[in-house]
Structure formats: C-alpha cells, structure tokens
Amino acid sequence: MSIYRDLFSSEGSELYVKPISLYFPPEQISNLTFADCVLAAHNRNELCIGVIISARVQDKNQSFSIDFIASLDNQLNLTLDDGLITLAEDET
C-alpha cells in the first residue's frame, strides 16, 4: 500500500525510462540479468520494474520492447540504446 501512496502523491516517485548507461559501464551491459538491473536501481534509491529493449520497439509480438517484472535470473542482451523502467523521485 505504501508504494501506491507514494505513486499517487504529488511529491512521490514517478515512472521513468532511464538510459542503461546511468547504471552500468558499456563493457558490462551485454551480460546482465534482470536481478543486476534491480540491484543497480536499488543502489540509486530507485525501483526497477522493467526494461526497454530498443531492438524490439516495433515488434508487437514482443510487447513493443517493454519487459515488465522479468524473472530475476532472466538473461538480458542489452545495448547502450536500451533503458530501465524505474520508479524514482527524479529523472536524473
């Protein structure tokens, strides 16, 4: 319930799509799991709820690139064009 209160309050967190480069150096992004993304967001006091994979943005069969709440051990093949969907207090 506290998450909903935070989301719907005027001073609470908001949903953002943030570039993967805010969380990982380029040499690490090709071999990550969703758990790695959750931990990286947590280290910035954010909550990662999904990823945007730019290579699939036009594919309706792949949810137009959005992967919400994946299995933590889900291996991701990310690039610098991809991003994390986060709940955060600001977009930086």
PDB file of N, CA and C in Angstrom:
ATOM      1  N   MET A   1       0.814  -1.187   0.000  1.00  0.00           N
ATOM      2  CA  MET A   1       0.000   0.000   0.000  1.00  0.00           C
ATOM      3  C   MET A   1       0.868   1.266   0.000  1.00  0.00           C
ATOM      4  N   SER A   2       2.030   1.194   0.665  1.00  0.00           N
ATOM      5  CA  SER A   2       2.898   2.371   0.727  1.00  0.00           C
ATOM      6  C   SER A   2       3.407   2.762  -0.665  1.00  0.00           C
ATOM      7  N   ILE A   3       3.599   1.787  -1.542  1.00  0.00           N
ATOM      8  CA  ILE A   3       4.038   2.094  -2.910  1.00  0.00           C
ATOM      9  C   ILE A   3       2.962   2.882  -3.640  1.00  0.00           C
ATOM     10  N   TYR A   4       1.696   2.464  -3.490  1.00  0.00           N
ATOM     11  CA  TYR A   4       0.611   3.195  -4.144  1.00  0.00           C
ATOM     12  C   TYR A   4       0.487   4.613  -3.598  1.00  0.00           C
ATOM     13  N   ARG A   5       0.620   4.770  -2.295  1.00  0.00           N
ATOM     14  CA  ARG A   5       0.560   6.111  -1.708  1.00  0.00           C
ATOM     15  C   ARG A   5       1.655   6.998  -2.285  1.00  0.00           C
ATOM     16  N   ASP A   6       2.844   6.440  -2.413  1.00  0.00           N
ATOM     17  CA  ASP A   6       3.971   7.196  -2.963  1.00  0.00           C
ATOM     18  C   ASP A   6       3.718   7.560  -4.429  1.00  0.00           C
ATOM     19  N   LEU A   7       3.225   6.609  -5.199  1.00  0.00           N
ATOM     20  CA  LEU A   7       2.978   6.843  -6.623  1.00  0.00           C
ATOM     21  C   LEU A   7       1.919   7.910  -6.860  1.00  0.00           C
ATOM     22  N   PHE A   8       0.894   7.910  -6.056  1.00  0.00           N
ATOM     23  CA  PHE A   8      -0.224   8.811  -6.306  1.00  0.00           C
ATOM     24  C   PHE A   8      -0.174  10.103  -5.505  1.00  0.00           C
ATOM     25  N   SER A   9       0.895  10.313  -4.767  1.00  0.00           N
ATOM     26  CA  SER A   9       1.043  11.598  -4.082  1.00  0.00           C
ATOM     27  C   SER A   9       1.801  12.559  -4.998  1.00  0.00           C
ATOM     28  N   SER A  10       1.572  13.839  -4.811  1.00  0.00           N
ATOM     29  CA  SER A  10       2.203  14.831  -5.686  1.00  0.00           C
ATOM     30  C   SER A  10       3.710  14.900  -5.500  1.00  0.00           C
ATOM     31  N   GLU A  11       4.223  14.538  -4.356  1.00  0.00           N
ATOM     32  CA  GLU A  11       5.665  14.593  -4.124  1.00  0.00           C
ATOM     33  C   GLU A  11       6.331  13.217  -4.173  1.00  0.00           C
ATOM     34  N   GLY A  12       5.618  12.208  -4.584  1.00  0.00           N
ATOM     35  CA  GLY A  12       6.151  10.852  -4.610  1.00  0.00           C
ATOM     36  C   GLY A  12       6.955  10.531  -5.851  1.00  0.00           C
ATOM     37  N   SER A  13       7.301   9.276  -5.985  1.00  0.00           N
ATOM     38  CA  SER A  13       8.071   8.797  -7.123  1.00  0.00           C
ATOM     39  C   SER A  13       7.215   8.791  -8.388  1.00  0.00           C
ATOM     40  N   GLU A  14       7.901   8.765  -9.520  1.00  0.00           N
ATOM     41  CA  GLU A  14       7.246   8.698 -10.817  1.00  0.00           C
ATOM     42  C   GLU A  14       7.920   7.618 -11.649  1.00  0.00           C
ATOM     43  N   LEU A  15       7.242   7.186 -12.703  1.00  0.00           N
ATOM     44  CA  LEU A  15       7.824   6.224 -13.632  1.00  0.00           C
ATOM     45  C   LEU A  15       8.728   6.952 -14.617  1.00  0.00           C
ATOM     46  N   TYR A  16       9.916   6.404 -14.810  1.00  0.00           N
ATOM     47  CA  TYR A  16      10.867   6.950 -15.776  1.00  0.00           C
ATOM     48  C   TYR A  16      11.476   5.813 -16.577  1.00  0.00           C
ATOM     49  N   VAL A  17      11.847   6.113 -17.802  1.00  0.00           N
ATOM     50  CA  VAL A  17      12.709   5.227 -18.583  1.00  0.00           C
ATOM     51  C   VAL A  17      14.061   5.926 -18.605  1.00  0.00           C
ATOM     52  N   LYS A  18      15.030   5.281 -17.981  1.00  0.00           N
ATOM     53  CA  LYS A  18      16.363   5.890 -17.857  1.00  0.00           C
ATOM     54  C   LYS A  18      17.375   5.083 -18.658  1.00  0.00           C
ATOM     55  N   PRO A  19      18.341   5.756 -19.256  1.00  0.00           N
ATOM     56  CA  PRO A  19      19.341   5.050 -20.078  1.00  0.00           C
ATOM     57  C   PRO A  19      20.160   4.061 -19.254  1.00  0.00           C
ATOM     58  N   ILE A  20      20.447   2.957 -19.859  1.00  0.00           N
ATOM     59  CA  ILE A  20      21.219   1.899 -19.193  1.00  0.00           C
ATOM     60  C   ILE A  20      22.586   2.402 -18.750  1.00  0.00           C
ATOM     61  N   SER A  21      23.109   3.409 -19.440  1.00  0.00           N
ATOM     62  CA  SER A  21      24.442   3.945 -19.117  1.00  0.00           C
ATOM     63  C   SER A  21      24.486   4.630 -17.753  1.00  0.00           C
ATOM     64  N   LEU A  22      23.337   4.977 -17.178  1.00  0.00           N
ATOM     65  CA  LEU A  22      23.318   5.533 -15.816  1.00  0.00           C
ATOM     66  C   LEU A  22      23.641   4.474 -14.765  1.00  0.00           C
ATOM     67  N   TYR A  23      23.496   3.216 -15.142  1.00  0.00           N
ATOM     68  CA  TYR A  23      23.613   2.126 -14.181  1.00  0.00           C
ATOM     69  C   TYR A  23      24.843   1.245 -14.380  1.00  0.00           C
ATOM     70  N   PHE A  24      25.299   1.124 -15.618  1.00  0.00           N
ATOM     71  CA  PHE A  24      26.394   0.189 -15.917  1.00  0.00           C
ATOM     72  C   PHE A  24      27.363   0.807 -16.925  1.00  0.00           C
ATOM     73  N   PRO A  25      28.656   0.486 -16.805  1.00  0.00           N
ATOM     74  CA  PRO A  25      29.600   0.894 -17.852  1.00  0.00           C
ATOM     75  C   PRO A  25      29.344   0.062 -19.116  1.00  0.00           C
ATOM     76  N   PRO A  26      29.690   0.591 -20.270  1.00  0.00           N
ATOM     77  CA  PRO A  26      29.392  -0.085 -21.542  1.00  0.00           C
ATOM     78  C   PRO A  26      29.875  -1.534 -21.617  1.00  0.00           C
ATOM     79  N   GLU A  27      31.011  -1.821 -21.022  1.00  0.00           N
ATOM     80  CA  GLU A  27      31.543  -3.187 -21.132  1.00  0.00           C
ATOM     81  C   GLU A  27      30.754  -4.212 -20.324  1.00  0.00           C
ATOM     82  N   GLN A  28      29.864  -3.799 -19.454  1.00  0.00           N
ATOM     83  CA  GLN A  28      29.081  -4.736 -18.635  1.00  0.00           C
ATOM     84  C   GLN A  28      27.681  -4.993 -19.161  1.00  0.00           C
ATOM     85  N   ILE A  29      27.166  -4.153 -20.043  1.00  0.00           N
ATOM     86  CA  ILE A  29      25.744  -4.225 -20.367  1.00  0.00           C
ATOM     87  C   ILE A  29      25.330  -5.422 -21.219  1.00  0.00           C
ATOM     88  N   SER A  30      26.238  -6.070 -21.864  1.00  0.00           N
ATOM     89  CA  SER A  30      25.850  -7.190 -22.729  1.00  0.00           C
ATOM     90  C   SER A  30      25.649  -8.499 -21.969  1.00  0.00           C
ATOM     91  N   ASN A  31      25.966  -8.526 -20.699  1.00  0.00           N
ATOM     92  CA  ASN A  31      25.875  -9.775 -19.940  1.00  0.00           C
ATOM     93  C   ASN A  31      25.240  -9.522 -18.573  1.00  0.00           C
ATOM     94  N   LEU A  32      23.975  -9.097 -18.573  1.00  0.00           N
ATOM     95  CA  LEU A  32      23.283  -8.774 -17.335  1.00  0.00           C
ATOM     96  C   LEU A  32      22.043  -9.627 -17.157  1.00  0.00           C
ATOM     97  N   THR A  33      21.625  -9.783 -15.916  1.00  0.00           N
ATOM     98  CA  THR A  33      20.341 -10.384 -15.612  1.00  0.00           C
ATOM     99  C   THR A  33      19.404  -9.279 -15.123  1.00  0.00           C
ATOM    100  N   PHE A  34      18.132  -9.592 -15.041  1.00  0.00           N
ATOM    101  CA  PHE A  34      17.195  -8.620 -14.513  1.00  0.00           C
ATOM    102  C   PHE A  34      17.535  -8.307 -13.056  1.00  0.00           C
ATOM    103  N   ALA A  35      18.056  -9.282 -12.318  1.00  0.00           N
ATOM    104  CA  ALA A  35      18.477  -9.051 -10.927  1.00  0.00           C
ATOM    105  C   ALA A  35      19.574  -7.987 -10.870  1.00  0.00           C
ATOM    106  N   ASP A  36      20.500  -8.003 -11.807  1.00  0.00           N
ATOM    107  CA  ASP A  36      21.549  -6.973 -11.869  1.00  0.00           C
ATOM    108  C   ASP A  36      20.923  -5.584 -12.022  1.00  0.00           C
ATOM    109  N   CYS A  37      19.900  -5.497 -12.857  1.00  0.00           N
ATOM    110  CA  CYS A  37      19.225  -4.214 -13.094  1.00  0.00           C
ATOM    111  C   CYS A  37      18.485  -3.751 -11.845  1.00  0.00           C
ATOM    112  N   VAL A  38      17.818  -4.676 -11.168  1.00  0.00           N
ATOM    113  CA  VAL A  38      17.106  -4.346  -9.930  1.00  0.00           C
ATOM    114  C   VAL A  38      18.087  -3.832  -8.884  1.00  0.00           C
ATOM    115  N   LEU A  39      19.216  -4.497  -8.744  1.00  0.00           N
ATOM    116  CA  LEU A  39      20.220  -4.082  -7.761  1.00  0.00           C
ATOM    117  C   LEU A  39      20.821  -2.722  -8.118  1.00  0.00           C
ATOM    118  N   ALA A  40      21.116  -2.490  -9.390  1.00  0.00           N
ATOM    119  CA  ALA A  40      21.694  -1.210  -9.809  1.00  0.00           C
ATOM    120  C   ALA A  40      20.721  -0.064  -9.526  1.00  0.00           C
ATOM    121  N   ALA A  41      19.444  -0.282  -9.790  1.00  0.00           N
ATOM    122  CA  ALA A  41      18.443   0.749  -9.492  1.00  0.00           C
ATOM    123  C   ALA A  41      18.323   0.948  -7.984  1.00  0.00           C
ATOM    124  N   HIS A  42      18.323  -0.132  -7.245  1.00  0.00           N
ATOM    125  CA  HIS A  42      18.249  -0.053  -5.779  1.00  0.00           C
ATOM    126  C   HIS A  42      19.409   0.780  -5.225  1.00  0.00           C
ATOM    127  N   ASN A  43      20.585   0.617  -5.786  1.00  0.00           N
ATOM    128  CA  ASN A  43      21.758   1.381  -5.341  1.00  0.00           C
ATOM    129  C   ASN A  43      21.605   2.880  -5.588  1.00  0.00           C
ATOM    130  N   ARG A  44      20.660   3.256  -6.447  1.00  0.00           N
ATOM    131  CA  ARG A  44      20.362   4.667  -6.705  1.00  0.00           C
ATOM    132  C   ARG A  44      19.056   5.086  -6.022  1.00  0.00           C
ATOM    133  N   ASN A  45      18.583   4.264  -5.079  1.00  0.00           N
ATOM    134  CA  ASN A  45      17.311   4.502  -4.376  1.00  0.00           C
ATOM    135  C   ASN A  45      16.123   4.552  -5.337  1.00  0.00           C
ATOM    136  N   GLU A  46      16.148   3.674  -6.317  1.00  0.00           N
ATOM    137  CA  GLU A  46      15.081   3.554  -7.295  1.00  0.00           C
ATOM    138  C   GLU A  46      14.584   2.110  -7.296  1.00  0.00           C
ATOM    139  N   LEU A  47      13.440   1.897  -7.919  1.00  0.00           N
ATOM    140  CA  LEU A  47      12.887   0.557  -8.051  1.00  0.00           C
ATOM    141  C   LEU A  47      12.762   0.241  -9.538  1.00  0.00           C
ATOM    142  N   CYS A  48      13.509  -0.746  -9.996  1.00  0.00           N
ATOM    143  CA  CYS A  48      13.449  -1.165 -11.399  1.00  0.00           C
ATOM    144  C   CYS A  48      12.294  -2.142 -11.557  1.00  0.00           C
ATOM    145  N   ILE A  49      11.358  -1.800 -12.463  1.00  0.00           N
ATOM    146  CA  ILE A  49      10.219  -2.689 -12.691  1.00  0.00           C
ATOM    147  C   ILE A  49      10.219  -3.282 -14.095  1.00  0.00           C
ATOM    148  N   GLY A  50      11.212  -2.919 -14.898  1.00  0.00           N
ATOM    149  CA  GLY A  50      11.268  -3.476 -16.240  1.00  0.00           C
ATOM    150  C   GLY A  50      12.397  -2.881 -17.054  1.00  0.00           C
ATOM    151  N   VAL A  51      12.474  -3.346 -18.294  1.00  0.00           N
ATOM    152  CA  VAL A  51      13.486  -2.851 -19.226  1.00  0.00           C
ATOM    153  C   VAL A  51      12.822  -2.516 -20.560  1.00  0.00           C
ATOM    154  N   ILE A  52      13.437  -1.594 -21.272  1.00  0.00           N
ATOM    155  CA  ILE A  52      13.041  -1.257 -22.643  1.00  0.00           C
ATOM    156  C   ILE A  52      14.179  -1.714 -23.545  1.00  0.00           C
ATOM    157  N   ILE A  53      13.875  -2.593 -24.479  1.00  0.00           N
ATOM    158  CA  ILE A  53      14.886  -3.111 -25.398  1.00  0.00           C
ATOM    159  C   ILE A  53      14.626  -2.500 -26.767  1.00  0.00           C
ATOM    160  N   SER A  54      15.460  -1.563 -27.155  1.00  0.00           N
ATOM    161  CA  SER A  54      15.221  -0.753 -28.352  1.00  0.00           C
ATOM    162  C   SER A  54      15.128  -1.578 -29.640  1.00  0.00           C
ATOM    163  N   ALA A  55      15.823  -2.679 -29.713  1.00  0.00           N
ATOM    164  CA  ALA A  55      15.803  -3.504 -30.926  1.00  0.00           C
ATOM    165  C   ALA A  55      14.418  -4.101 -31.187  1.00  0.00           C
ATOM    166  N   ARG A  56      13.577  -4.145 -30.155  1.00  0.00           N
ATOM    167  CA  ARG A  56      12.232  -4.737 -30.304  1.00  0.00           C
ATOM    168  C   ARG A  56      11.124  -3.688 -30.291  1.00  0.00           C
ATOM    169  N   VAL A  57      11.452  -2.415 -30.424  1.00  0.00           N
ATOM    170  CA  VAL A  57      10.466  -1.358 -30.246  1.00  0.00           C
ATOM    171  C   VAL A  57       9.322  -1.405 -31.272  1.00  0.00           C
ATOM    172  N   GLN A  58       9.531  -1.962 -32.438  1.00  0.00           N
ATOM    173  CA  GLN A  58       8.487  -2.055 -33.456  1.00  0.00           C
ATOM    174  C   GLN A  58       7.771  -3.409 -33.470  1.00  0.00           C
ATOM    175  N   ASP A  59       8.152  -4.322 -32.590  1.00  0.00           N
ATOM    176  CA  ASP A  59       7.629  -5.692 -32.612  1.00  0.00           C
ATOM    177  C   ASP A  59       6.465  -5.862 -31.639  1.00  0.00           C
ATOM    178  N   LYS A  60       5.236  -5.877 -32.165  1.00  0.00           N
ATOM    179  CA  LYS A  60       4.071  -6.021 -31.289  1.00  0.00           C
ATOM    180  C   LYS A  60       4.042  -7.388 -30.603  1.00  0.00           C
ATOM    181  N   ASN A  61       4.661  -8.395 -31.203  1.00  0.00           N
ATOM    182  CA  ASN A  61       4.713  -9.721 -30.584  1.00  0.00           C
ATOM    183  C   ASN A  61       5.696  -9.776 -29.416  1.00  0.00           C
ATOM    184  N   GLN A  62       6.533  -8.765 -29.305  1.00  0.00           N
ATOM    185  CA  GLN A  62       7.499  -8.666 -28.199  1.00  0.00           C
ATOM    186  C   GLN A  62       7.125  -7.509 -27.271  1.00  0.00           C
ATOM    187  N   SER A  63       5.841  -7.190 -27.193  1.00  0.00           N
ATOM    188  CA  SER A  63       5.309  -6.129 -26.321  1.00  0.00           C
ATOM    189  C   SER A  63       5.937  -4.773 -26.611  1.00  0.00           C
ATOM    190  N   PHE A  64       6.297  -4.538 -27.863  1.00  0.00           N
ATOM    191  CA  PHE A  64       6.883  -3.264 -28.285  1.00  0.00           C
ATOM    192  C   PHE A  64       8.103  -2.892 -27.449  1.00  0.00           C
ATOM    193  N   SER A  65       8.880  -3.855 -27.082  1.00  0.00           N
ATOM    194  CA  SER A  65      10.172  -3.712 -26.405  1.00  0.00           C
ATOM    195  C   SER A  65      10.087  -3.616 -24.891  1.00  0.00           C
ATOM    196  N   ILE A  66       8.914  -3.630 -24.312  1.00  0.00           N
ATOM    197  CA  ILE A  66       8.782  -3.472 -22.860  1.00  0.00           C
ATOM    198  C   ILE A  66       8.741  -4.838 -22.200  1.00  0.00           C
ATOM    199  N   ASP A  67       9.605  -5.019 -21.225  1.00  0.00           N
ATOM    200  CA  ASP A  67       9.654  -6.273 -20.466  1.00  0.00           C
ATOM    201  C   ASP A  67       9.483  -5.903 -18.993  1.00  0.00           C
ATOM    202  N   PHE A  68       8.246  -6.058 -18.468  1.00  0.00           N
ATOM    203  CA  PHE A  68       7.958  -5.715 -17.077  1.00  0.00           C
ATOM    204  C   PHE A  68       8.194  -6.906 -16.157  1.00  0.00           C
ATOM    205  N   ILE A  69       8.794  -6.616 -15.051  1.00  0.00           N
ATOM    206  CA  ILE A  69       8.986  -7.547 -13.942  1.00  0.00           C
ATOM    207  C   ILE A  69       9.364  -8.945 -14.438  1.00  0.00           C
ATOM    208  N   ALA A  70      10.481  -8.985 -15.094  1.00  0.00           N
ATOM    209  CA  ALA A  70      11.010 -10.245 -15.616  1.00  0.00           C
ATOM    210  C   ALA A  70      11.498 -11.126 -14.472  1.00  0.00           C
ATOM    211  N   SER A  71      11.697 -12.376 -14.751  1.00  0.00           N
ATOM    212  CA  SER A  71      12.308 -13.271 -13.772  1.00  0.00           C
ATOM    213  C   SER A  71      13.696 -12.734 -13.443  1.00  0.00           C
ATOM    214  N   LEU A  72      14.063 -12.775 -12.180  1.00  0.00           N
ATOM    215  CA  LEU A  72      15.344 -12.185 -11.762  1.00  0.00           C
ATOM    216  C   LEU A  72      16.544 -12.801 -12.462  1.00  0.00           C
ATOM    217  N   ASP A  73      16.455 -14.075 -12.822  1.00  0.00           N
ATOM    218  CA  ASP A  73      17.585 -14.719 -13.490  1.00  0.00           C
ATOM    219  C   ASP A  73      17.501 -14.608 -15.015  1.00  0.00           C
ATOM    220  N   ASN A  74      16.529 -13.845 -15.506  1.00  0.00           N
ATOM    221  CA  ASN A  74      16.368 -13.643 -16.942  1.00  0.00           C
ATOM    222  C   ASN A  74      17.597 -12.943 -17.516  1.00  0.00           C
ATOM    223  N   GLN A  75      18.292 -13.614 -18.426  1.00  0.00           N
ATOM    224  CA  GLN A  75      19.487 -13.053 -19.073  1.00  0.00           C
ATOM    225  C   GLN A  75      19.050 -12.026 -20.107  1.00  0.00           C
ATOM    226  N   LEU A  76      19.619 -10.829 -20.027  1.00  0.00           N
ATOM    227  CA  LEU A  76      19.257  -9.741 -20.931  1.00  0.00           C
ATOM    228  C   LEU A  76      20.413  -9.468 -21.883  1.00  0.00           C
ATOM    229  N   ASN A  77      20.099  -9.195 -23.118  1.00  0.00           N
ATOM    230  CA  ASN A  77      21.097  -8.824 -24.102  1.00  0.00           C
ATOM    231  C   ASN A  77      20.881  -7.346 -24.408  1.00  0.00           C
ATOM    232  N   LEU A  78      21.412  -6.472 -23.560  1.00  0.00           N
ATOM    233  CA  LEU A  78      21.166  -5.046 -23.643  1.00  0.00           C
ATOM    234  C   LEU A  78      22.250  -4.321 -24.425  1.00  0.00           C
ATOM    235  N   THR A  79      21.894  -3.148 -24.929  1.00  0.00           N
ATOM    236  CA  THR A  79      22.839  -2.271 -25.618  1.00  0.00           C
ATOM    237  C   THR A  79      22.723  -0.877 -24.998  1.00  0.00           C
ATOM    238  N   LEU A  80      23.563   0.030 -25.434  1.00  0.00           N
ATOM    239  CA  LEU A  80      23.511   1.406 -24.933  1.00  0.00           C
ATOM    240  C   LEU A  80      22.223   2.123 -25.336  1.00  0.00           C
ATOM    241  N   ASP A  81      21.464   1.573 -26.262  1.00  0.00           N
ATOM    242  CA  ASP A  81      20.195   2.163 -26.684  1.00  0.00           C
ATOM    243  C   ASP A  81      19.026   1.751 -25.792  1.00  0.00           C
ATOM    244  N   ASP A  82      19.273   0.851 -24.854  1.00  0.00           N
ATOM    245  CA  ASP A  82      18.218   0.318 -24.004  1.00  0.00           C
ATOM    246  C   ASP A  82      18.117   1.098 -22.694  1.00  0.00           C
ATOM    247  N   GLY A  83      17.072   0.826 -21.935  1.00  0.00           N
ATOM    248  CA  GLY A  83      16.892   1.555 -20.684  1.00  0.00           C
ATOM    249  C   GLY A  83      16.158   0.747 -19.632  1.00  0.00           C
ATOM    250  N   LEU A  84      16.200   1.267 -18.416  1.00  0.00           N
ATOM    251  CA  LEU A  84      15.470   0.666 -17.307  1.00  0.00           C
ATOM    252  C   LEU A  84      14.216   1.470 -17.038  1.00  0.00           C
ATOM    253  N   ILE A  85      13.145   0.774 -16.756  1.00  0.00           N
ATOM    254  CA  ILE A  85      11.901   1.419 -16.334  1.00  0.00           C
ATOM    255  C   ILE A  85      11.955   1.438 -14.810  1.00  0.00           C
ATOM    256  N   THR A  86      11.958   2.634 -14.248  1.00  0.00           N
ATOM    257  CA  THR A  86      12.146   2.756 -12.806  1.00  0.00           C
ATOM    258  C   THR A  86      11.080   3.627 -12.161  1.00  0.00           C
ATOM    259  N   LEU A  87      10.877   3.382 -10.887  1.00  0.00           N
ATOM    260  CA  LEU A  87      10.143   4.300 -10.027  1.00  0.00           C
ATOM    261  C   LEU A  87      11.211   5.094  -9.310  1.00  0.00           C
ATOM    262  N   ALA A  88      11.201   6.394  -9.485  1.00  0.00           N
ATOM    263  CA  ALA A  88      12.242   7.238  -8.900  1.00  0.00           C
ATOM    264  C   ALA A  88      11.657   8.600  -8.571  1.00  0.00           C
ATOM    265  N   GLU A  89      12.365   9.331  -7.734  1.00  0.00           N
ATOM    266  CA  GLU A  89      11.901  10.661  -7.342  1.00  0.00           C
ATOM    267  C   GLU A  89      12.294  11.737  -8.336  1.00  0.00           C
ATOM    268  N   ASP A  90      13.275  11.469  -9.186  1.00  0.00           N
ATOM    269  CA  ASP A  90      13.637  12.420 -10.237  1.00  0.00           C
ATOM    270  C   ASP A  90      14.191  11.662 -11.423  1.00  0.00           C
ATOM    271  N   GLU A  91      14.340  12.361 -12.529  1.00  0.00           N
ATOM    272  CA  GLU A  91      14.749  11.676 -13.755  1.00  0.00           C
ATOM    273  C   GLU A  91      16.246  11.635 -13.981  1.00  0.00           C
ATOM    274  N   THR A  92      17.042  12.147 -13.048  1.00  0.00           N
ATOM    275  CA  THR A  92      18.491  12.124 -13.232  1.00  0.00           C
ATOM    276  C   THR A  92      19.101  10.847 -12.712  1.00  0.00           C
TER     277      THR A  92
END
